[in-house]
Each structure stands twice: as structure tokens, then as C-alpha cells.
Amino acid sequence: PFVMFLLGPIYVFMLSYRLPLGYGSDKPSVRNSVALTNLFLALLLAGIVVLFGVKTLLFVYLPIQYLAGMMGIFLFYVQHQFEDVYWEHDPRWEYLKAAMEGSTYLKLPKVLQWLTGNIGFHHIHHLAPKIPNYLLPRVQEEVDLVKVAPTVTLKDAFKIAFADMHLYDEESRKLVGFREAHRRLRETQGKKAY
């Protein structure tokens, strides 16, 4: 939770997304997109300072951005890190299983469902990303296929966020915590030593 809630928003939104590194960074279109986004963000921040002052930037705009980033990371995390999640390598990876067992239906209260643009129907997004967000509730209601995805409530989501499930153990096919992964690694190394 410390990394997710405190460091995650800073790293992901203020550093990682601002640098043209990683996937697609060898493409000029990706580098240009990042540079253009950074330019517009710099202009936005400068505009806020000129119109409203540095205090508004530091005590209103940046905290709102930080909280929004925290919520985004939280929502993404709890929809992909849960007990019995499906993770698989090529060539055994299956599209339908990945969509229905590798992400959840995060059942949110109607107000939060609307405020998040129906992000709780993440399993449907993985199955058919071209379905517009306003149709996702209807798909969930009318299509039996999508009803098999694990359902997580907001209360469950907070339990998941604070659970000790950070790493995927390929042998047991379960998420485990760092201590458990370290223990299993020591066991494995001990067996190999004999």
C-alpha cells in the first residue's frame, strides 16, 4: 500500500508517463506525443501560476492530481491483483480466460460507477475494448458470458489493496507476498543444494 498510494502516483503520472521510455519509445510518433503532452502540461502549469499563483498550484492543483493518480492506480490494481487471478504465458495464454478470469467486475455504488466512467466493468473492456463506457452496464446485465468474471465490491477492493498478494508464484499459480516468495525461494534453493 505504501508504494501504491504514496510513490505510485508520483512515479507513474509525474515521471514514467512524462519520459519517452519503454514500450514504443523507439517510434517517433510516441516520442512526439510525449513531448507534445509535456509541452501542454508545462503551459497549463504556467497558466495556473500566472492566473492563480504558485500557492494554488501547490495546494490545489497538485494535490488533486495526486489524489486522482492514487485513485487510478488503486482501481487498476484491485482489478488485476486478486485471489485466483488468471496469469499465463504464451502460448498457453487464452484471450477469453484472460478477460474473464484475469480482471474483475468491480461493483461500485451507482455514483462512483458514474464518476469513474464505468471502470468497474474492466473485464468487459478486456474482452471487447471498443464497447463505449456508457454501454458497459447494459452488456453486464444482458450478456451471460461476462457474468462469470469475479465480482469485487468496494469493501473487497480495500481488502485486496492491503492484502499480502504482490507477486505471482508460477508453481502454485497464486499471488503471494514478498515474505512468502522469499520463503519459497529459500526452500527451492535448499532443495537444489542437495
N, C-alpha and C. Protein backbone atom coordinates (compact mmCIF):
# COMPACT_ATOMS: atom_id res chain seq x y z
N PRO A 1 0.81 -1.22 0.00
CA PRO A 1 0.00 0.00 0.00
C PRO A 1 0.85 1.28 0.00
N PHE A 2 1.98 1.24 0.70
CA PHE A 2 2.84 2.43 0.75
C PHE A 2 3.28 2.84 -0.65
N VAL A 3 3.78 1.87 -1.40
CA VAL A 3 4.25 2.16 -2.76
C VAL A 3 3.07 2.58 -3.63
N MET A 4 1.97 1.82 -3.55
CA MET A 4 0.81 2.11 -4.40
C MET A 4 0.23 3.49 -4.11
N PHE A 5 0.02 3.81 -2.85
CA PHE A 5 -0.67 5.05 -2.52
C PHE A 5 0.25 6.28 -2.45
N LEU A 6 1.50 6.10 -2.04
CA LEU A 6 2.37 7.26 -1.87
C LEU A 6 3.32 7.48 -3.04
N LEU A 7 4.03 6.45 -3.44
CA LEU A 7 5.02 6.60 -4.50
C LEU A 7 4.43 6.39 -5.89
N GLY A 8 3.44 5.51 -6.01
CA GLY A 8 2.87 5.16 -7.30
C GLY A 8 2.42 6.34 -8.14
N PRO A 9 1.59 7.24 -7.61
CA PRO A 9 1.13 8.37 -8.43
C PRO A 9 2.27 9.26 -8.91
N ILE A 10 3.26 9.47 -8.04
CA ILE A 10 4.40 10.30 -8.43
C ILE A 10 5.18 9.61 -9.54
N TYR A 11 5.49 8.35 -9.35
CA TYR A 11 6.28 7.62 -10.35
C TYR A 11 5.53 7.50 -11.68
N VAL A 12 4.30 7.00 -11.63
CA VAL A 12 3.56 6.72 -12.86
C VAL A 12 3.22 7.99 -13.62
N PHE A 13 2.55 8.93 -12.97
CA PHE A 13 2.00 10.07 -13.69
C PHE A 13 2.95 11.26 -13.83
N MET A 14 3.88 11.40 -12.89
CA MET A 14 4.77 12.56 -12.95
C MET A 14 6.15 12.22 -13.50
N LEU A 15 6.47 10.94 -13.60
CA LEU A 15 7.79 10.56 -14.10
C LEU A 15 7.69 9.62 -15.29
N SER A 16 7.13 8.44 -15.08
CA SER A 16 7.09 7.42 -16.12
C SER A 16 6.36 7.89 -17.38
N TYR A 17 5.20 8.48 -17.24
CA TYR A 17 4.43 8.93 -18.40
C TYR A 17 5.00 10.20 -19.03
N ARG A 18 5.90 10.89 -18.33
CA ARG A 18 6.49 12.12 -18.84
C ARG A 18 7.77 11.87 -19.62
N LEU A 19 8.32 10.64 -19.55
CA LEU A 19 9.55 10.31 -20.26
C LEU A 19 9.25 9.31 -21.37
N PRO A 20 9.78 9.54 -22.56
CA PRO A 20 9.51 8.61 -23.67
C PRO A 20 10.40 7.38 -23.60
N LEU A 21 10.20 6.58 -22.58
CA LEU A 21 10.97 5.36 -22.39
C LEU A 21 10.03 4.16 -22.43
N GLY A 22 10.58 2.99 -22.65
CA GLY A 22 9.77 1.78 -22.59
C GLY A 22 9.05 1.48 -23.88
N TYR A 23 7.87 0.87 -23.75
CA TYR A 23 7.11 0.37 -24.89
C TYR A 23 6.85 1.45 -25.92
N GLY A 24 7.28 1.22 -27.15
CA GLY A 24 7.01 2.14 -28.25
C GLY A 24 7.91 3.36 -28.30
N SER A 25 8.87 3.48 -27.36
CA SER A 25 9.69 4.69 -27.31
C SER A 25 10.63 4.83 -28.49
N ASP A 26 10.81 3.76 -29.26
CA ASP A 26 11.66 3.85 -30.44
C ASP A 26 10.92 4.50 -31.62
N LYS A 27 9.62 4.69 -31.48
CA LYS A 27 8.83 5.28 -32.56
C LYS A 27 8.78 6.80 -32.41
N PRO A 28 9.07 7.52 -33.48
CA PRO A 28 8.99 8.99 -33.41
C PRO A 28 7.61 9.49 -33.00
N SER A 29 6.55 8.80 -33.43
CA SER A 29 5.19 9.25 -33.08
C SER A 29 4.96 9.20 -31.57
N VAL A 30 5.52 8.18 -30.90
CA VAL A 30 5.37 8.07 -29.45
C VAL A 30 6.18 9.17 -28.76
N ARG A 31 7.42 9.35 -29.19
CA ARG A 31 8.26 10.40 -28.60
C ARG A 31 7.63 11.78 -28.81
N ASN A 32 7.11 12.01 -30.00
CA ASN A 32 6.47 13.31 -30.29
C ASN A 32 5.22 13.51 -29.45
N SER A 33 4.45 12.45 -29.25
CA SER A 33 3.24 12.54 -28.44
C SER A 33 3.58 12.90 -27.00
N VAL A 34 4.60 12.25 -26.45
CA VAL A 34 5.02 12.54 -25.07
C VAL A 34 5.53 13.97 -24.98
N ALA A 35 6.35 14.40 -25.95
CA ALA A 35 6.89 15.76 -25.94
C ALA A 35 5.76 16.79 -26.04
N LEU A 36 4.79 16.55 -26.90
CA LEU A 36 3.67 17.48 -27.06
C LEU A 36 2.82 17.54 -25.79
N THR A 37 2.56 16.39 -25.20
CA THR A 37 1.81 16.35 -23.94
C THR A 37 2.55 17.12 -22.86
N ASN A 38 3.87 16.90 -22.77
CA ASN A 38 4.67 17.62 -21.77
C ASN A 38 4.64 19.13 -22.00
N LEU A 39 4.68 19.54 -23.25
CA LEU A 39 4.61 20.96 -23.57
C LEU A 39 3.28 21.55 -23.10
N PHE A 40 2.19 20.88 -23.41
CA PHE A 40 0.87 21.38 -22.98
C PHE A 40 0.73 21.37 -21.46
N LEU A 41 1.29 20.37 -20.80
CA LEU A 41 1.25 20.35 -19.33
C LEU A 41 2.06 21.51 -18.75
N ALA A 42 3.22 21.79 -19.34
CA ALA A 42 4.04 22.91 -18.88
C ALA A 42 3.28 24.23 -19.06
N LEU A 43 2.61 24.37 -20.21
CA LEU A 43 1.81 25.58 -20.45
C LEU A 43 0.65 25.68 -19.47
N LEU A 44 0.01 24.55 -19.17
CA LEU A 44 -1.09 24.54 -18.20
C LEU A 44 -0.60 24.97 -16.82
N LEU A 45 0.51 24.38 -16.39
CA LEU A 45 1.06 24.72 -15.07
C LEU A 45 1.47 26.19 -15.02
N ALA A 46 2.10 26.68 -16.08
CA ALA A 46 2.49 28.09 -16.14
C ALA A 46 1.24 28.98 -16.10
N GLY A 47 0.21 28.58 -16.83
CA GLY A 47 -1.05 29.34 -16.82
C GLY A 47 -1.68 29.40 -15.44
N ILE A 48 -1.65 28.28 -14.73
CA ILE A 48 -2.21 28.26 -13.37
C ILE A 48 -1.43 29.22 -12.47
N VAL A 49 -0.10 29.20 -12.59
CA VAL A 49 0.73 30.08 -11.77
C VAL A 49 0.45 31.55 -12.11
N VAL A 50 0.38 31.87 -13.39
CA VAL A 50 0.15 33.26 -13.81
C VAL A 50 -1.24 33.74 -13.37
N LEU A 51 -2.27 32.91 -13.58
CA LEU A 51 -3.64 33.33 -13.28
C LEU A 51 -4.00 33.24 -11.80
N PHE A 52 -3.50 32.20 -11.12
CA PHE A 52 -3.96 31.96 -9.75
C PHE A 52 -2.85 31.96 -8.70
N GLY A 53 -1.60 31.91 -9.13
CA GLY A 53 -0.49 31.94 -8.19
C GLY A 53 0.09 30.57 -7.88
N VAL A 54 1.29 30.60 -7.33
CA VAL A 54 2.02 29.37 -7.00
C VAL A 54 1.30 28.58 -5.91
N LYS A 55 0.71 29.28 -4.93
CA LYS A 55 0.02 28.58 -3.85
C LYS A 55 -1.12 27.72 -4.38
N THR A 56 -1.87 28.25 -5.35
CA THR A 56 -2.97 27.48 -5.94
C THR A 56 -2.43 26.23 -6.63
N LEU A 57 -1.31 26.39 -7.34
CA LEU A 57 -0.69 25.23 -7.99
C LEU A 57 -0.29 24.18 -6.95
N LEU A 58 0.39 24.62 -5.90
CA LEU A 58 0.93 23.69 -4.90
C LEU A 58 -0.13 23.10 -3.98
N PHE A 59 -1.14 23.88 -3.63
CA PHE A 59 -2.09 23.42 -2.62
C PHE A 59 -3.47 23.03 -3.15
N VAL A 60 -3.71 23.27 -4.44
CA VAL A 60 -4.99 22.87 -5.03
C VAL A 60 -4.76 21.91 -6.19
N TYR A 61 -4.10 22.39 -7.24
CA TYR A 61 -3.96 21.59 -8.46
C TYR A 61 -3.15 20.31 -8.23
N LEU A 62 -1.94 20.43 -7.67
CA LEU A 62 -1.10 19.24 -7.50
C LEU A 62 -1.70 18.20 -6.55
N PRO A 63 -2.30 18.60 -5.41
CA PRO A 63 -2.95 17.59 -4.57
C PRO A 63 -4.12 16.88 -5.28
N ILE A 64 -4.88 17.62 -6.09
CA ILE A 64 -5.98 16.99 -6.83
C ILE A 64 -5.42 15.98 -7.83
N GLN A 65 -4.36 16.35 -8.53
CA GLN A 65 -3.72 15.43 -9.47
C GLN A 65 -3.18 14.20 -8.76
N TYR A 66 -2.58 14.41 -7.60
CA TYR A 66 -2.02 13.31 -6.82
C TYR A 66 -3.12 12.35 -6.38
N LEU A 67 -4.22 12.89 -5.85
CA LEU A 67 -5.34 12.04 -5.41
C LEU A 67 -5.97 11.29 -6.58
N ALA A 68 -6.11 11.97 -7.72
CA ALA A 68 -6.66 11.30 -8.91
C ALA A 68 -5.74 10.17 -9.36
N GLY A 69 -4.44 10.41 -9.31
CA GLY A 69 -3.48 9.36 -9.66
C GLY A 69 -3.56 8.19 -8.70
N MET A 70 -3.71 8.49 -7.41
CA MET A 70 -3.84 7.45 -6.40
C MET A 70 -5.08 6.59 -6.66
N MET A 71 -6.18 7.25 -6.97
CA MET A 71 -7.42 6.50 -7.24
C MET A 71 -7.28 5.65 -8.50
N GLY A 72 -6.65 6.21 -9.52
CA GLY A 72 -6.45 5.45 -10.76
C GLY A 72 -5.61 4.20 -10.54
N ILE A 73 -4.53 4.34 -9.81
CA ILE A 73 -3.66 3.20 -9.52
C ILE A 73 -4.41 2.18 -8.66
N PHE A 74 -5.14 2.66 -7.68
CA PHE A 74 -5.93 1.77 -6.81
C PHE A 74 -6.93 0.96 -7.64
N LEU A 75 -7.69 1.64 -8.50
CA LEU A 75 -8.70 0.95 -9.30
C LEU A 75 -8.08 -0.07 -10.24
N PHE A 76 -6.98 0.29 -10.88
CA PHE A 76 -6.30 -0.64 -11.77
C PHE A 76 -5.78 -1.85 -10.99
N TYR A 77 -5.15 -1.58 -9.85
CA TYR A 77 -4.55 -2.64 -9.03
C TYR A 77 -5.58 -3.66 -8.58
N VAL A 78 -6.67 -3.20 -7.99
CA VAL A 78 -7.64 -4.14 -7.43
C VAL A 78 -8.40 -4.92 -8.49
N GLN A 79 -8.32 -4.47 -9.74
CA GLN A 79 -8.99 -5.21 -10.80
C GLN A 79 -8.07 -6.22 -11.47
N HIS A 80 -6.82 -6.27 -11.04
CA HIS A 80 -5.88 -7.23 -11.63
C HIS A 80 -5.12 -8.05 -10.59
N GLN A 81 -5.17 -7.68 -9.32
CA GLN A 81 -4.44 -8.37 -8.26
C GLN A 81 -5.46 -8.93 -7.27
N PHE A 82 -5.93 -10.11 -7.51
CA PHE A 82 -6.92 -10.70 -6.60
C PHE A 82 -6.67 -12.20 -6.53
N GLU A 83 -7.21 -12.81 -5.50
CA GLU A 83 -7.03 -14.24 -5.32
C GLU A 83 -7.60 -14.99 -6.53
N ASP A 84 -6.88 -16.01 -6.95
CA ASP A 84 -7.27 -16.86 -8.09
C ASP A 84 -7.25 -16.13 -9.43
N VAL A 85 -6.47 -15.07 -9.54
CA VAL A 85 -6.35 -14.34 -10.80
C VAL A 85 -5.70 -15.25 -11.85
N TYR A 86 -6.07 -15.07 -13.09
CA TYR A 86 -5.52 -15.84 -14.21
C TYR A 86 -4.35 -15.07 -14.81
N TRP A 87 -3.17 -15.67 -14.74
CA TRP A 87 -1.99 -15.13 -15.41
C TRP A 87 -1.37 -16.29 -16.17
N GLU A 88 -0.99 -16.05 -17.39
CA GLU A 88 -0.42 -17.13 -18.20
C GLU A 88 0.54 -16.56 -19.23
N HIS A 89 1.50 -17.39 -19.61
CA HIS A 89 2.46 -17.02 -20.66
C HIS A 89 1.97 -17.52 -22.01
N ASP A 90 2.51 -16.93 -23.07
CA ASP A 90 2.32 -17.52 -24.40
C ASP A 90 3.00 -18.88 -24.38
N PRO A 91 2.59 -19.88 -25.07
CA PRO A 91 1.44 -19.97 -25.96
C PRO A 91 0.18 -20.45 -25.24
N ARG A 92 0.24 -20.63 -23.92
CA ARG A 92 -0.93 -21.15 -23.19
C ARG A 92 -1.95 -20.06 -22.85
N TRP A 93 -1.59 -18.81 -23.07
CA TRP A 93 -2.47 -17.69 -22.75
C TRP A 93 -3.72 -17.76 -23.62
N GLU A 94 -4.89 -17.57 -22.98
CA GLU A 94 -6.17 -17.60 -23.69
C GLU A 94 -6.89 -16.27 -23.51
N TYR A 95 -7.31 -15.70 -24.61
CA TYR A 95 -7.93 -14.37 -24.63
C TYR A 95 -9.15 -14.30 -23.70
N LEU A 96 -10.07 -15.22 -23.85
CA LEU A 96 -11.31 -15.20 -23.06
C LEU A 96 -11.02 -15.39 -21.57
N LYS A 97 -10.15 -16.34 -21.25
CA LYS A 97 -9.81 -16.57 -19.83
C LYS A 97 -9.12 -15.35 -19.24
N ALA A 98 -8.24 -14.73 -20.01
CA ALA A 98 -7.55 -13.54 -19.51
C ALA A 98 -8.54 -12.42 -19.21
N ALA A 99 -9.53 -12.24 -20.07
CA ALA A 99 -10.53 -11.19 -19.86
C ALA A 99 -11.44 -11.50 -18.67
N MET A 100 -11.93 -12.74 -18.60
CA MET A 100 -12.94 -13.08 -17.59
C MET A 100 -12.35 -13.53 -16.25
N GLU A 101 -11.11 -14.03 -16.25
CA GLU A 101 -10.50 -14.50 -15.00
C GLU A 101 -9.27 -13.70 -14.61
N GLY A 102 -8.83 -12.81 -15.49
CA GLY A 102 -7.65 -12.00 -15.21
C GLY A 102 -7.98 -10.58 -14.80
N SER A 103 -9.26 -10.25 -14.78
CA SER A 103 -9.71 -8.94 -14.31
C SER A 103 -11.09 -9.13 -13.67
N THR A 104 -11.49 -8.14 -12.90
CA THR A 104 -12.72 -8.29 -12.12
C THR A 104 -13.83 -7.37 -12.61
N TYR A 105 -15.01 -7.68 -12.11
CA TYR A 105 -16.14 -6.75 -12.18
C TYR A 105 -16.15 -6.06 -10.83
N LEU A 106 -15.72 -4.82 -10.79
CA LEU A 106 -15.70 -4.05 -9.56
C LEU A 106 -17.05 -3.36 -9.42
N LYS A 107 -17.89 -3.95 -8.57
CA LYS A 107 -19.26 -3.46 -8.41
C LYS A 107 -19.25 -2.25 -7.48
N LEU A 108 -19.37 -1.09 -8.08
CA LEU A 108 -19.31 0.16 -7.34
C LEU A 108 -20.71 0.71 -7.10
N PRO A 109 -20.88 1.54 -6.06
CA PRO A 109 -22.15 2.26 -5.90
C PRO A 109 -22.39 3.10 -7.16
N LYS A 110 -23.65 3.30 -7.51
CA LYS A 110 -24.01 3.97 -8.77
C LYS A 110 -23.29 5.31 -8.97
N VAL A 111 -23.15 6.10 -7.91
CA VAL A 111 -22.49 7.40 -8.04
C VAL A 111 -21.03 7.21 -8.44
N LEU A 112 -20.33 6.30 -7.77
CA LEU A 112 -18.93 6.04 -8.12
C LEU A 112 -18.81 5.38 -9.48
N GLN A 113 -19.77 4.56 -9.82
CA GLN A 113 -19.78 3.93 -11.14
C GLN A 113 -19.82 5.02 -12.21
N TRP A 114 -20.68 6.02 -12.02
CA TRP A 114 -20.80 7.11 -12.98
C TRP A 114 -19.54 7.99 -12.97
N LEU A 115 -19.04 8.34 -11.78
CA LEU A 115 -17.86 9.21 -11.68
C LEU A 115 -16.61 8.58 -12.30
N THR A 116 -16.52 7.26 -12.27
CA THR A 116 -15.34 6.58 -12.82
C THR A 116 -15.54 6.15 -14.27
N GLY A 117 -16.62 6.55 -14.88
CA GLY A 117 -16.85 6.19 -16.27
C GLY A 117 -17.01 4.69 -16.47
N ASN A 118 -17.64 4.04 -15.48
CA ASN A 118 -17.91 2.59 -15.54
C ASN A 118 -16.63 1.75 -15.59
N ILE A 119 -15.59 2.23 -14.93
CA ILE A 119 -14.32 1.49 -14.93
C ILE A 119 -14.45 0.13 -14.25
N GLY A 120 -15.46 -0.04 -13.43
CA GLY A 120 -15.66 -1.32 -12.74
C GLY A 120 -15.94 -2.48 -13.67
N PHE A 121 -16.38 -2.18 -14.88
CA PHE A 121 -16.66 -3.24 -15.86
C PHE A 121 -15.40 -3.55 -16.67
N HIS A 122 -14.30 -3.64 -15.96
CA HIS A 122 -12.98 -3.80 -16.57
C HIS A 122 -12.87 -5.10 -17.36
N HIS A 123 -13.52 -6.13 -16.88
CA HIS A 123 -13.47 -7.43 -17.57
C HIS A 123 -14.09 -7.33 -18.96
N ILE A 124 -15.13 -6.53 -19.10
CA ILE A 124 -15.76 -6.34 -20.41
C ILE A 124 -14.82 -5.55 -21.32
N HIS A 125 -14.16 -4.56 -20.74
CA HIS A 125 -13.18 -3.78 -21.50
C HIS A 125 -12.09 -4.69 -22.07
N HIS A 126 -11.62 -5.64 -21.27
CA HIS A 126 -10.59 -6.57 -21.74
C HIS A 126 -11.13 -7.50 -22.83
N LEU A 127 -12.38 -7.84 -22.72
CA LEU A 127 -12.99 -8.73 -23.71
C LEU A 127 -13.27 -8.00 -25.03
N ALA A 128 -13.81 -6.80 -24.93
CA ALA A 128 -14.20 -6.04 -26.13
C ALA A 128 -13.94 -4.55 -25.89
N PRO A 129 -12.71 -4.09 -26.10
CA PRO A 129 -12.35 -2.71 -25.76
C PRO A 129 -13.07 -1.63 -26.56
N LYS A 130 -13.73 -1.99 -27.65
CA LYS A 130 -14.42 -0.97 -28.46
C LYS A 130 -15.83 -0.65 -27.96
N ILE A 131 -16.30 -1.38 -26.96
CA ILE A 131 -17.63 -1.06 -26.40
C ILE A 131 -17.51 0.25 -25.62
N PRO A 132 -18.33 1.25 -25.94
CA PRO A 132 -18.25 2.52 -25.22
C PRO A 132 -18.63 2.35 -23.75
N ASN A 133 -18.02 3.18 -22.90
CA ASN A 133 -18.22 3.01 -21.46
C ASN A 133 -19.68 3.13 -21.03
N TYR A 134 -20.47 3.91 -21.73
CA TYR A 134 -21.87 4.07 -21.33
C TYR A 134 -22.71 2.82 -21.62
N LEU A 135 -22.20 1.91 -22.45
CA LEU A 135 -22.93 0.67 -22.74
C LEU A 135 -22.49 -0.50 -21.85
N LEU A 136 -21.42 -0.33 -21.10
CA LEU A 136 -20.89 -1.43 -20.30
C LEU A 136 -21.90 -1.99 -19.29
N PRO A 137 -22.65 -1.16 -18.55
CA PRO A 137 -23.64 -1.73 -17.62
C PRO A 137 -24.68 -2.60 -18.33
N ARG A 138 -25.09 -2.18 -19.51
CA ARG A 138 -26.08 -2.95 -20.27
C ARG A 138 -25.50 -4.31 -20.69
N VAL A 139 -24.24 -4.30 -21.14
CA VAL A 139 -23.58 -5.56 -21.52
C VAL A 139 -23.51 -6.48 -20.30
N GLN A 140 -23.14 -5.94 -19.14
CA GLN A 140 -23.05 -6.75 -17.92
C GLN A 140 -24.41 -7.37 -17.59
N GLU A 141 -25.46 -6.62 -17.81
CA GLU A 141 -26.81 -7.09 -17.50
C GLU A 141 -27.33 -8.13 -18.49
N GLU A 142 -27.00 -7.96 -19.76
CA GLU A 142 -27.64 -8.76 -20.81
C GLU A 142 -26.80 -9.92 -21.35
N VAL A 143 -25.50 -9.91 -21.15
CA VAL A 143 -24.64 -10.94 -21.75
C VAL A 143 -24.15 -11.89 -20.66
N ASP A 144 -24.62 -13.13 -20.72
CA ASP A 144 -24.28 -14.12 -19.70
C ASP A 144 -22.78 -14.40 -19.62
N LEU A 145 -22.10 -14.36 -20.75
CA LEU A 145 -20.68 -14.66 -20.81
C LEU A 145 -19.86 -13.82 -19.83
N VAL A 146 -20.20 -12.55 -19.67
CA VAL A 146 -19.40 -11.65 -18.83
C VAL A 146 -19.72 -11.79 -17.34
N LYS A 147 -20.76 -12.51 -17.02
CA LYS A 147 -21.17 -12.65 -15.62
C LYS A 147 -20.29 -13.63 -14.84
N VAL A 148 -19.39 -14.34 -15.53
CA VAL A 148 -18.52 -15.30 -14.85
C VAL A 148 -17.30 -14.63 -14.22
N ALA A 149 -17.04 -13.38 -14.56
CA ALA A 149 -15.88 -12.68 -14.01
C ALA A 149 -16.04 -12.53 -12.50
N PRO A 150 -14.94 -12.60 -11.75
CA PRO A 150 -15.04 -12.41 -10.30
C PRO A 150 -15.61 -11.04 -9.97
N THR A 151 -16.56 -11.00 -9.04
CA THR A 151 -17.16 -9.74 -8.62
C THR A 151 -16.48 -9.27 -7.34
N VAL A 152 -16.10 -8.01 -7.33
CA VAL A 152 -15.43 -7.41 -6.18
C VAL A 152 -16.22 -6.16 -5.79
N THR A 153 -16.52 -6.03 -4.51
CA THR A 153 -17.20 -4.82 -4.02
C THR A 153 -16.15 -3.81 -3.59
N LEU A 154 -16.57 -2.61 -3.26
CA LEU A 154 -15.64 -1.59 -2.79
C LEU A 154 -14.95 -2.04 -1.50
N LYS A 155 -15.71 -2.70 -0.63
CA LYS A 155 -15.14 -3.22 0.61
C LYS A 155 -14.07 -4.27 0.29
N ASP A 156 -14.37 -5.18 -0.65
CA ASP A 156 -13.39 -6.18 -1.09
C ASP A 156 -12.15 -5.51 -1.67
N ALA A 157 -12.37 -4.42 -2.41
CA ALA A 157 -11.26 -3.73 -3.08
C ALA A 157 -10.24 -3.23 -2.06
N PHE A 158 -10.72 -2.69 -0.95
CA PHE A 158 -9.78 -2.23 0.08
C PHE A 158 -9.06 -3.40 0.73
N LYS A 159 -9.74 -4.52 0.89
CA LYS A 159 -9.07 -5.71 1.42
C LYS A 159 -7.97 -6.17 0.47
N ILE A 160 -8.26 -6.14 -0.83
CA ILE A 160 -7.27 -6.54 -1.84
C ILE A 160 -6.08 -5.59 -1.80
N ALA A 161 -6.35 -4.29 -1.71
CA ALA A 161 -5.28 -3.30 -1.72
C ALA A 161 -4.31 -3.50 -0.56
N PHE A 162 -4.83 -3.97 0.58
CA PHE A 162 -3.98 -4.14 1.75
C PHE A 162 -3.59 -5.59 1.99
N ALA A 163 -3.97 -6.48 1.09
CA ALA A 163 -3.62 -7.90 1.23
C ALA A 163 -2.15 -8.10 0.85
N ASP A 164 -1.60 -9.18 1.32
CA ASP A 164 -0.21 -9.50 1.03
C ASP A 164 -0.15 -10.38 -0.22
N MET A 165 -0.53 -9.78 -1.36
CA MET A 165 -0.54 -10.51 -2.64
C MET A 165 0.09 -9.60 -3.70
N HIS A 166 1.40 -9.69 -3.84
CA HIS A 166 2.09 -8.77 -4.74
C HIS A 166 2.79 -9.45 -5.91
N LEU A 167 3.17 -10.70 -5.72
CA LEU A 167 3.95 -11.42 -6.73
C LEU A 167 3.21 -12.67 -7.15
N TYR A 168 3.38 -13.07 -8.40
CA TYR A 168 2.71 -14.27 -8.89
C TYR A 168 3.68 -15.44 -8.83
N ASP A 169 3.31 -16.46 -8.07
CA ASP A 169 4.09 -17.70 -7.97
C ASP A 169 3.59 -18.64 -9.05
N GLU A 170 4.43 -18.88 -10.04
CA GLU A 170 4.00 -19.68 -11.19
C GLU A 170 3.79 -21.15 -10.84
N GLU A 171 4.49 -21.65 -9.83
CA GLU A 171 4.30 -23.06 -9.45
C GLU A 171 2.93 -23.28 -8.83
N SER A 172 2.57 -22.44 -7.86
CA SER A 172 1.28 -22.61 -7.19
C SER A 172 0.15 -21.90 -7.94
N ARG A 173 0.52 -21.06 -8.90
CA ARG A 173 -0.44 -20.28 -9.69
C ARG A 173 -1.29 -19.39 -8.78
N LYS A 174 -0.62 -18.78 -7.81
CA LYS A 174 -1.28 -17.91 -6.83
C LYS A 174 -0.45 -16.65 -6.63
N LEU A 175 -1.12 -15.59 -6.22
CA LEU A 175 -0.41 -14.39 -5.79
C LEU A 175 0.08 -14.60 -4.37
N VAL A 176 1.31 -14.19 -4.11
CA VAL A 176 1.89 -14.33 -2.78
C VAL A 176 2.55 -13.01 -2.38
N GLY A 177 2.82 -12.88 -1.10
CA GLY A 177 3.51 -11.70 -0.61
C GLY A 177 5.02 -11.87 -0.72
N PHE A 178 5.74 -10.80 -0.42
CA PHE A 178 7.20 -10.84 -0.53
C PHE A 178 7.82 -11.84 0.45
N ARG A 179 7.32 -11.90 1.68
CA ARG A 179 7.85 -12.86 2.66
C ARG A 179 7.66 -14.30 2.19
N GLU A 180 6.45 -14.58 1.72
CA GLU A 180 6.16 -15.93 1.24
C GLU A 180 7.01 -16.27 0.02
N ALA A 181 7.19 -15.33 -0.88
CA ALA A 181 8.03 -15.57 -2.06
C ALA A 181 9.47 -15.83 -1.65
N HIS A 182 9.95 -15.07 -0.68
CA HIS A 182 11.31 -15.26 -0.18
C HIS A 182 11.45 -16.63 0.47
N ARG A 183 10.45 -17.03 1.26
CA ARG A 183 10.48 -18.34 1.91
C ARG A 183 10.51 -19.45 0.86
N ARG A 184 9.67 -19.33 -0.16
CA ARG A 184 9.62 -20.35 -1.21
C ARG A 184 10.93 -20.40 -1.99
N LEU A 185 11.52 -19.25 -2.21
CA LEU A 185 12.81 -19.20 -2.91
C LEU A 185 13.89 -19.90 -2.10
N ARG A 186 13.91 -19.64 -0.79
CA ARG A 186 14.89 -20.33 0.08
C ARG A 186 14.68 -21.83 0.05
N GLU A 187 13.41 -22.25 0.09
CA GLU A 187 13.10 -23.69 0.02
C GLU A 187 13.61 -24.29 -1.28
N THR A 188 13.34 -23.62 -2.38
CA THR A 188 13.75 -24.10 -3.70
C THR A 188 15.27 -24.17 -3.79
N GLN A 189 15.95 -23.16 -3.30
CA GLN A 189 17.42 -23.16 -3.34
C GLN A 189 17.98 -24.24 -2.44
N GLY A 190 17.30 -24.48 -1.31
CA GLY A 190 17.74 -25.54 -0.40
C GLY A 190 17.62 -26.91 -1.05
N LYS A 191 16.52 -27.14 -1.80
CA LYS A 191 16.32 -28.42 -2.48
C LYS A 191 17.37 -28.63 -3.56
N LYS A 192 17.72 -27.56 -4.27
CA LYS A 192 18.70 -27.68 -5.35
C LYS A 192 20.10 -27.95 -4.80
N ALA A 193 20.34 -27.52 -3.57
CA ALA A 193 21.68 -27.71 -2.99
C ALA A 193 21.96 -29.16 -2.67
N TYR A 194 20.95 -30.03 -2.54
CA TYR A 194 21.17 -31.43 -2.15
C TYR A 194 21.22 -32.34 -3.33
